[in-house]
Amino acid sequence: MLSKWIKRLSPLHRDREQRLAQAGVRVSLSIRRYKNVSQDIQEEIRNNGFAQFLIYDRGAEDEQA
């Protein structure tokens, strides 16, 4: 119990916790932006009516298989 209290008071520990929290927020924002952009792109494809003509290429991975 005493070690937890000491860790909380430690400036280095608080700094690390702060950076971890900030990183978590950045990741959440990035994921949210990606989802929004992905939905926008999918909607635009549906609106343009050319989705049935799209060919999806996975790249070099398929060529090696």
N, C-alpha and C. Protein backbone atom coordinates (compact mmCIF):
# COMPACT_ATOMS: atom_id res chain seq x y z
N MET A 1 0.83 -1.19 0.00
CA MET A 1 0.00 0.00 0.00
C MET A 1 0.88 1.26 0.00
N LEU A 2 1.93 1.22 0.76
CA LEU A 2 2.84 2.36 0.82
C LEU A 2 3.52 2.59 -0.53
N SER A 3 3.85 1.49 -1.23
CA SER A 3 4.52 1.64 -2.52
C SER A 3 3.60 2.29 -3.56
N LYS A 4 2.30 1.98 -3.51
CA LYS A 4 1.36 2.62 -4.44
C LYS A 4 1.29 4.12 -4.18
N TRP A 5 1.28 4.48 -2.91
CA TRP A 5 1.23 5.89 -2.54
C TRP A 5 2.48 6.62 -3.00
N ILE A 6 3.63 5.99 -2.84
CA ILE A 6 4.89 6.59 -3.27
C ILE A 6 4.91 6.75 -4.79
N LYS A 7 4.43 5.73 -5.50
CA LYS A 7 4.39 5.81 -6.97
C LYS A 7 3.51 6.96 -7.44
N ARG A 8 2.38 7.16 -6.77
CA ARG A 8 1.48 8.25 -7.16
C ARG A 8 2.13 9.61 -6.97
N LEU A 9 2.96 9.72 -5.96
CA LEU A 9 3.61 11.00 -5.67
C LEU A 9 4.84 11.24 -6.53
N SER A 10 5.37 10.20 -7.11
CA SER A 10 6.59 10.32 -7.90
C SER A 10 6.32 11.11 -9.18
N PRO A 11 7.09 12.17 -9.43
CA PRO A 11 6.91 12.96 -10.66
C PRO A 11 7.11 12.13 -11.92
N LEU A 12 8.07 11.22 -11.89
CA LEU A 12 8.31 10.39 -13.07
C LEU A 12 7.11 9.49 -13.35
N HIS A 13 6.55 8.92 -12.31
CA HIS A 13 5.38 8.05 -12.48
C HIS A 13 4.18 8.84 -13.00
N ARG A 14 3.97 10.01 -12.43
CA ARG A 14 2.85 10.86 -12.90
C ARG A 14 3.04 11.25 -14.35
N ASP A 15 4.27 11.56 -14.73
CA ASP A 15 4.56 11.93 -16.12
C ASP A 15 4.26 10.77 -17.06
N ARG A 16 4.66 9.58 -16.67
CA ARG A 16 4.41 8.41 -17.51
C ARG A 16 2.91 8.13 -17.63
N GLU A 17 2.18 8.26 -16.51
CA GLU A 17 0.74 8.06 -16.57
C GLU A 17 0.08 9.10 -17.47
N GLN A 18 0.55 10.33 -17.40
CA GLN A 18 0.01 11.40 -18.25
C GLN A 18 0.26 11.10 -19.72
N ARG A 19 1.48 10.70 -20.04
CA ARG A 19 1.81 10.39 -21.44
C ARG A 19 1.00 9.21 -21.95
N LEU A 20 0.80 8.22 -21.10
CA LEU A 20 -0.01 7.07 -21.49
C LEU A 20 -1.45 7.47 -21.75
N ALA A 21 -2.00 8.31 -20.90
CA ALA A 21 -3.36 8.79 -21.09
C ALA A 21 -3.48 9.60 -22.39
N GLN A 22 -2.50 10.46 -22.66
CA GLN A 22 -2.51 11.26 -23.88
C GLN A 22 -2.41 10.36 -25.12
N ALA A 23 -1.58 9.34 -25.04
CA ALA A 23 -1.45 8.42 -26.16
C ALA A 23 -2.76 7.70 -26.41
N GLY A 24 -3.45 7.32 -25.35
CA GLY A 24 -4.74 6.66 -25.49
C GLY A 24 -5.76 7.56 -26.18
N VAL A 25 -5.76 8.83 -25.82
CA VAL A 25 -6.67 9.78 -26.44
C VAL A 25 -6.35 9.94 -27.93
N ARG A 26 -5.05 10.03 -28.25
CA ARG A 26 -4.65 10.17 -29.66
C ARG A 26 -5.08 8.95 -30.47
N VAL A 27 -4.91 7.77 -29.91
CA VAL A 27 -5.31 6.55 -30.62
C VAL A 27 -6.81 6.54 -30.84
N SER A 28 -7.57 6.90 -29.82
CA SER A 28 -9.03 6.94 -29.95
C SER A 28 -9.46 7.91 -31.04
N LEU A 29 -8.85 9.09 -31.06
CA LEU A 29 -9.19 10.08 -32.08
C LEU A 29 -8.83 9.58 -33.48
N SER A 30 -7.68 8.93 -33.61
CA SER A 30 -7.27 8.40 -34.91
C SER A 30 -8.24 7.34 -35.40
N ILE A 31 -8.66 6.47 -34.52
CA ILE A 31 -9.61 5.42 -34.90
C ILE A 31 -10.94 6.05 -35.31
N ARG A 32 -11.39 7.04 -34.56
CA ARG A 32 -12.66 7.71 -34.89
C ARG A 32 -12.56 8.40 -36.25
N ARG A 33 -11.45 9.07 -36.51
CA ARG A 33 -11.27 9.74 -37.82
C ARG A 33 -11.26 8.72 -38.95
N TYR A 34 -10.55 7.61 -38.76
CA TYR A 34 -10.48 6.57 -39.78
C TYR A 34 -11.88 6.04 -40.08
N LYS A 35 -12.67 5.77 -39.04
CA LYS A 35 -14.03 5.25 -39.26
C LYS A 35 -14.87 6.26 -40.03
N ASN A 36 -14.78 7.53 -39.66
CA ASN A 36 -15.56 8.57 -40.34
C ASN A 36 -15.17 8.68 -41.80
N VAL A 37 -13.88 8.70 -42.08
CA VAL A 37 -13.42 8.80 -43.46
C VAL A 37 -13.83 7.57 -44.25
N SER A 38 -13.70 6.41 -43.65
CA SER A 38 -14.08 5.17 -44.30
C SER A 38 -15.57 5.18 -44.65
N GLN A 39 -16.39 5.63 -43.72
CA GLN A 39 -17.83 5.70 -43.99
C GLN A 39 -18.13 6.70 -45.09
N ASP A 40 -17.43 7.83 -45.08
CA ASP A 40 -17.63 8.84 -46.13
C ASP A 40 -17.27 8.27 -47.50
N ILE A 41 -16.17 7.55 -47.57
CA ILE A 41 -15.74 6.97 -48.84
C ILE A 41 -16.75 5.93 -49.31
N GLN A 42 -17.20 5.07 -48.41
CA GLN A 42 -18.18 4.05 -48.78
C GLN A 42 -19.48 4.68 -49.26
N GLU A 43 -19.91 5.74 -48.60
CA GLU A 43 -21.13 6.43 -49.02
C GLU A 43 -20.95 7.06 -50.40
N GLU A 44 -19.81 7.67 -50.62
CA GLU A 44 -19.55 8.28 -51.93
C GLU A 44 -19.54 7.23 -53.04
N ILE A 45 -18.95 6.08 -52.76
CA ILE A 45 -18.93 4.99 -53.75
C ILE A 45 -20.35 4.55 -54.07
N ARG A 46 -21.18 4.38 -53.03
CA ARG A 46 -22.59 3.97 -53.26
C ARG A 46 -23.34 5.04 -54.04
N ASN A 47 -23.10 6.31 -53.69
CA ASN A 47 -23.81 7.40 -54.38
C ASN A 47 -23.43 7.50 -55.85
N ASN A 48 -22.19 7.20 -56.18
CA ASN A 48 -21.74 7.30 -57.57
C ASN A 48 -22.14 6.10 -58.41
N GLY A 49 -22.56 5.02 -57.77
CA GLY A 49 -23.06 3.87 -58.50
C GLY A 49 -22.00 3.07 -59.23
N PHE A 50 -20.75 3.20 -58.89
CA PHE A 50 -19.74 2.43 -59.61
C PHE A 50 -19.11 1.35 -58.74
N ALA A 51 -19.67 1.08 -57.57
CA ALA A 51 -19.12 0.08 -56.66
C ALA A 51 -19.08 -1.30 -57.30
N GLN A 52 -20.05 -1.62 -58.14
CA GLN A 52 -20.09 -2.94 -58.76
C GLN A 52 -18.93 -3.15 -59.73
N PHE A 53 -18.30 -2.07 -60.17
CA PHE A 53 -17.20 -2.19 -61.13
C PHE A 53 -15.82 -2.17 -60.47
N LEU A 54 -15.77 -2.01 -59.16
CA LEU A 54 -14.49 -1.94 -58.47
C LEU A 54 -13.86 -3.33 -58.36
N ILE A 55 -12.57 -3.36 -58.53
CA ILE A 55 -11.80 -4.59 -58.35
C ILE A 55 -10.83 -4.33 -57.22
N TYR A 56 -10.90 -5.16 -56.19
CA TYR A 56 -10.05 -4.97 -55.03
C TYR A 56 -8.79 -5.80 -55.18
N ASP A 57 -7.65 -5.16 -55.05
CA ASP A 57 -6.36 -5.81 -55.20
C ASP A 57 -5.66 -5.80 -53.85
N ARG A 58 -5.29 -6.99 -53.38
CA ARG A 58 -4.62 -7.06 -52.09
C ARG A 58 -3.13 -6.85 -52.22
N GLY A 59 -2.62 -6.76 -53.39
CA GLY A 59 -1.21 -6.46 -53.57
C GLY A 59 -0.37 -7.71 -53.72
N ALA A 60 0.88 -7.59 -53.32
CA ALA A 60 1.87 -8.66 -53.53
C ALA A 60 1.59 -9.91 -52.70
N GLU A 61 0.79 -9.82 -51.68
CA GLU A 61 0.50 -10.98 -50.85
C GLU A 61 -0.14 -12.10 -51.65
N ASP A 62 -1.07 -11.77 -52.54
CA ASP A 62 -1.75 -12.77 -53.34
C ASP A 62 -0.81 -13.44 -54.34
N GLU A 63 0.14 -12.69 -54.85
CA GLU A 63 1.04 -13.22 -55.85
C GLU A 63 1.97 -14.29 -55.28
N GLN A 64 2.29 -14.18 -53.99
CA GLN A 64 3.19 -15.14 -53.37
C GLN A 64 2.48 -16.42 -52.98
N ALA A 65 1.18 -16.38 -52.77
CA ALA A 65 0.43 -17.55 -52.30
C ALA A 65 0.29 -18.61 -53.35
